[in-house]
N, C-alpha and C. Protein backbone atom coordinates (compact mmCIF):
# COMPACT_ATOMS: atom_id res chain seq x y z
N MET A 1 93.11 50.78 83.99
CA MET A 1 92.04 51.67 83.60
C MET A 1 92.35 52.17 82.18
N THR A 2 91.40 52.03 81.33
CA THR A 2 91.60 52.47 79.95
C THR A 2 91.49 53.99 79.87
N PRO A 3 92.01 54.57 78.80
CA PRO A 3 91.89 56.02 78.64
C PRO A 3 90.43 56.49 78.64
N ALA A 4 89.53 55.71 78.07
CA ALA A 4 88.11 56.10 78.05
C ALA A 4 87.53 56.09 79.47
N GLN A 5 87.91 55.07 80.25
CA GLN A 5 87.43 55.00 81.63
C GLN A 5 87.98 56.16 82.46
N ARG A 6 89.25 56.44 82.25
CA ARG A 6 89.87 57.55 82.99
C ARG A 6 89.20 58.87 82.62
N SER A 7 88.94 59.07 81.35
CA SER A 7 88.30 60.29 80.89
C SER A 7 86.90 60.42 81.51
N ARG A 8 86.18 59.32 81.54
CA ARG A 8 84.84 59.32 82.13
C ARG A 8 84.92 59.65 83.62
N ARG A 9 85.87 59.06 84.31
CA ARG A 9 86.04 59.30 85.74
C ARG A 9 86.41 60.77 86.02
N ILE A 10 87.26 61.33 85.18
CA ILE A 10 87.64 62.73 85.33
C ILE A 10 86.42 63.63 85.14
N ARG A 11 85.59 63.32 84.14
CA ARG A 11 84.37 64.11 83.93
C ARG A 11 83.44 64.01 85.13
N GLN A 12 83.32 62.80 85.72
CA GLN A 12 82.48 62.63 86.90
C GLN A 12 83.02 63.45 88.07
N CYS A 13 84.34 63.41 88.26
CA CYS A 13 84.95 64.17 89.36
C CYS A 13 84.78 65.67 89.14
N ASN A 14 84.95 66.13 87.93
CA ASN A 14 84.77 67.55 87.63
C ASN A 14 83.33 67.99 87.86
N ALA A 15 82.38 67.13 87.50
CA ALA A 15 80.97 67.46 87.73
C ALA A 15 80.69 67.54 89.23
N ARG A 16 81.24 66.63 90.00
CA ARG A 16 81.05 66.66 91.46
C ARG A 16 81.70 67.91 92.06
N LEU A 17 82.88 68.24 91.57
CA LEU A 17 83.57 69.45 92.03
C LEU A 17 82.72 70.70 91.74
N ASP A 18 82.15 70.77 90.55
CA ASP A 18 81.29 71.90 90.20
C ASP A 18 80.08 71.98 91.12
N THR A 19 79.50 70.83 91.44
CA THR A 19 78.34 70.78 92.34
C THR A 19 78.72 71.27 93.73
N LEU A 20 79.84 70.78 94.24
CA LEU A 20 80.29 71.19 95.57
C LEU A 20 80.64 72.68 95.61
N GLU A 21 81.24 73.18 94.56
CA GLU A 21 81.58 74.61 94.50
C GLU A 21 80.31 75.46 94.50
N ALA A 22 79.29 75.03 93.78
CA ALA A 22 78.02 75.76 93.77
C ALA A 22 77.38 75.74 95.16
N GLU A 23 77.45 74.60 95.85
CA GLU A 23 76.92 74.51 97.21
C GLU A 23 77.69 75.44 98.14
N ARG A 24 79.01 75.47 98.00
CA ARG A 24 79.84 76.34 98.83
C ARG A 24 79.48 77.81 98.63
N ARG A 25 79.31 78.21 97.37
CA ARG A 25 78.94 79.60 97.08
C ARG A 25 77.58 79.94 97.67
N ALA A 26 76.63 79.00 97.59
CA ALA A 26 75.29 79.23 98.15
C ALA A 26 75.35 79.39 99.66
N ILE A 27 76.14 78.56 100.32
CA ILE A 27 76.28 78.65 101.78
C ILE A 27 76.93 79.97 102.17
N LEU A 28 77.97 80.37 101.46
CA LEU A 28 78.62 81.65 101.75
C LEU A 28 77.68 82.82 101.53
N ALA A 29 76.84 82.73 100.50
CA ALA A 29 75.87 83.80 100.24
C ALA A 29 74.86 83.89 101.38
N GLU A 30 74.46 82.74 101.94
CA GLU A 30 73.54 82.75 103.08
C GLU A 30 74.24 83.26 104.35
N LEU A 31 75.50 82.95 104.49
CA LEU A 31 76.24 83.31 105.68
C LEU A 31 76.53 84.80 105.76
N HIS A 32 76.78 85.44 104.65
CA HIS A 32 77.21 86.84 104.66
C HIS A 32 76.25 87.76 105.42
N PRO A 33 74.93 87.76 105.13
CA PRO A 33 74.05 88.65 105.88
C PRO A 33 73.99 88.30 107.37
N ILE A 34 74.09 87.02 107.70
CA ILE A 34 74.07 86.61 109.11
C ILE A 34 75.31 87.13 109.81
N GLU A 35 76.46 86.99 109.17
CA GLU A 35 77.71 87.47 109.75
C GLU A 35 77.68 88.99 109.92
N THR A 36 77.15 89.69 108.95
CA THR A 36 77.06 91.15 109.02
C THR A 36 76.14 91.56 110.18
N GLU A 37 75.00 90.90 110.29
CA GLU A 37 74.07 91.21 111.38
C GLU A 37 74.72 90.94 112.74
N HIS A 38 75.42 89.84 112.84
CA HIS A 38 76.10 89.50 114.10
C HIS A 38 77.16 90.54 114.43
N SER A 39 77.93 90.94 113.44
CA SER A 39 78.98 91.94 113.67
C SER A 39 78.38 93.26 114.12
N ARG A 40 77.29 93.65 113.51
CA ARG A 40 76.64 94.91 113.90
C ARG A 40 76.08 94.82 115.32
N SER A 41 75.58 93.63 115.69
CA SER A 41 75.06 93.47 117.06
C SER A 41 76.18 93.58 118.09
N LEU A 42 77.42 93.29 117.66
CA LEU A 42 78.57 93.43 118.56
C LEU A 42 79.14 94.84 118.55
N GLY A 43 78.57 95.71 117.72
CA GLY A 43 79.01 97.10 117.69
C GLY A 43 79.94 97.44 116.54
N TYR A 44 80.25 96.49 115.68
CA TYR A 44 81.10 96.79 114.53
C TYR A 44 80.28 97.49 113.47
N SER A 45 80.90 98.45 112.78
CA SER A 45 80.20 99.09 111.67
C SER A 45 80.46 98.32 110.37
N PHE A 46 81.36 97.34 110.43
CA PHE A 46 81.67 96.48 109.29
C PHE A 46 82.10 95.13 109.86
N PRO A 47 82.03 94.06 109.08
CA PRO A 47 82.42 92.75 109.61
C PRO A 47 83.89 92.75 110.04
N PRO A 48 84.23 92.02 111.09
CA PRO A 48 85.62 91.96 111.54
C PRO A 48 86.54 91.40 110.45
N LEU A 49 87.78 91.79 110.50
CA LEU A 49 88.76 91.29 109.53
C LEU A 49 89.03 89.82 109.81
N ARG A 50 89.25 89.07 108.74
CA ARG A 50 89.57 87.66 108.88
C ARG A 50 90.62 87.30 107.84
N GLY A 51 91.26 86.20 108.07
CA GLY A 51 92.19 85.64 107.10
C GLY A 51 93.35 86.57 106.79
N LYS A 52 93.66 86.68 105.50
CA LYS A 52 94.81 87.45 105.05
C LYS A 52 94.70 88.92 105.44
N ALA A 53 93.51 89.48 105.37
CA ALA A 53 93.33 90.89 105.74
C ALA A 53 93.71 91.12 107.20
N LEU A 54 93.33 90.20 108.07
CA LEU A 54 93.68 90.32 109.49
C LEU A 54 95.19 90.21 109.68
N ILE A 55 95.81 89.26 109.01
CA ILE A 55 97.25 89.07 109.11
C ILE A 55 97.99 90.32 108.62
N ASP A 56 97.54 90.92 107.51
CA ASP A 56 98.17 92.13 106.99
C ASP A 56 98.09 93.28 108.00
N VAL A 57 96.93 93.45 108.63
CA VAL A 57 96.77 94.52 109.61
C VAL A 57 97.66 94.26 110.82
N MET A 58 97.72 93.02 111.27
CA MET A 58 98.58 92.69 112.42
C MET A 58 100.05 92.94 112.09
N ASP A 59 100.47 92.57 110.89
CA ASP A 59 101.85 92.81 110.47
C ASP A 59 102.18 94.30 110.46
N ARG A 60 101.26 95.13 109.95
CA ARG A 60 101.48 96.57 109.93
C ARG A 60 101.57 97.13 111.35
N GLU A 61 100.71 96.65 112.24
CA GLU A 61 100.76 97.13 113.63
C GLU A 61 102.05 96.72 114.32
N LEU A 62 102.52 95.52 114.06
CA LEU A 62 103.80 95.08 114.64
C LEU A 62 104.97 95.92 114.11
N ALA A 63 104.93 96.20 112.81
CA ALA A 63 106.00 97.01 112.21
C ALA A 63 105.98 98.43 112.79
N ARG A 64 104.78 98.96 112.99
CA ARG A 64 104.66 100.30 113.55
C ARG A 64 105.14 100.32 115.01
N ALA A 65 104.81 99.28 115.76
CA ALA A 65 105.23 99.20 117.16
C ALA A 65 106.76 99.04 117.28
N ALA A 66 107.36 98.34 116.33
CA ALA A 66 108.80 98.11 116.35
C ALA A 66 109.58 99.35 115.93
N ALA A 67 108.95 100.23 115.18
CA ALA A 67 109.64 101.43 114.65
C ALA A 67 109.85 102.49 115.69
């Protein structure tokens, strides 16, 4: 593969990545109100914790229980 071909391929991949990232952001934007509505229907006043935030809270609770 010549440097020009590689450069062209990298530009194509970057363009596809940008497209996919835009799609991901659009899906997340659509999901947020649905998730909030679902959480409220379950009685939460805010969406449940997920990911790193959930892990941090669990770690704090374990540390408090161990103390």
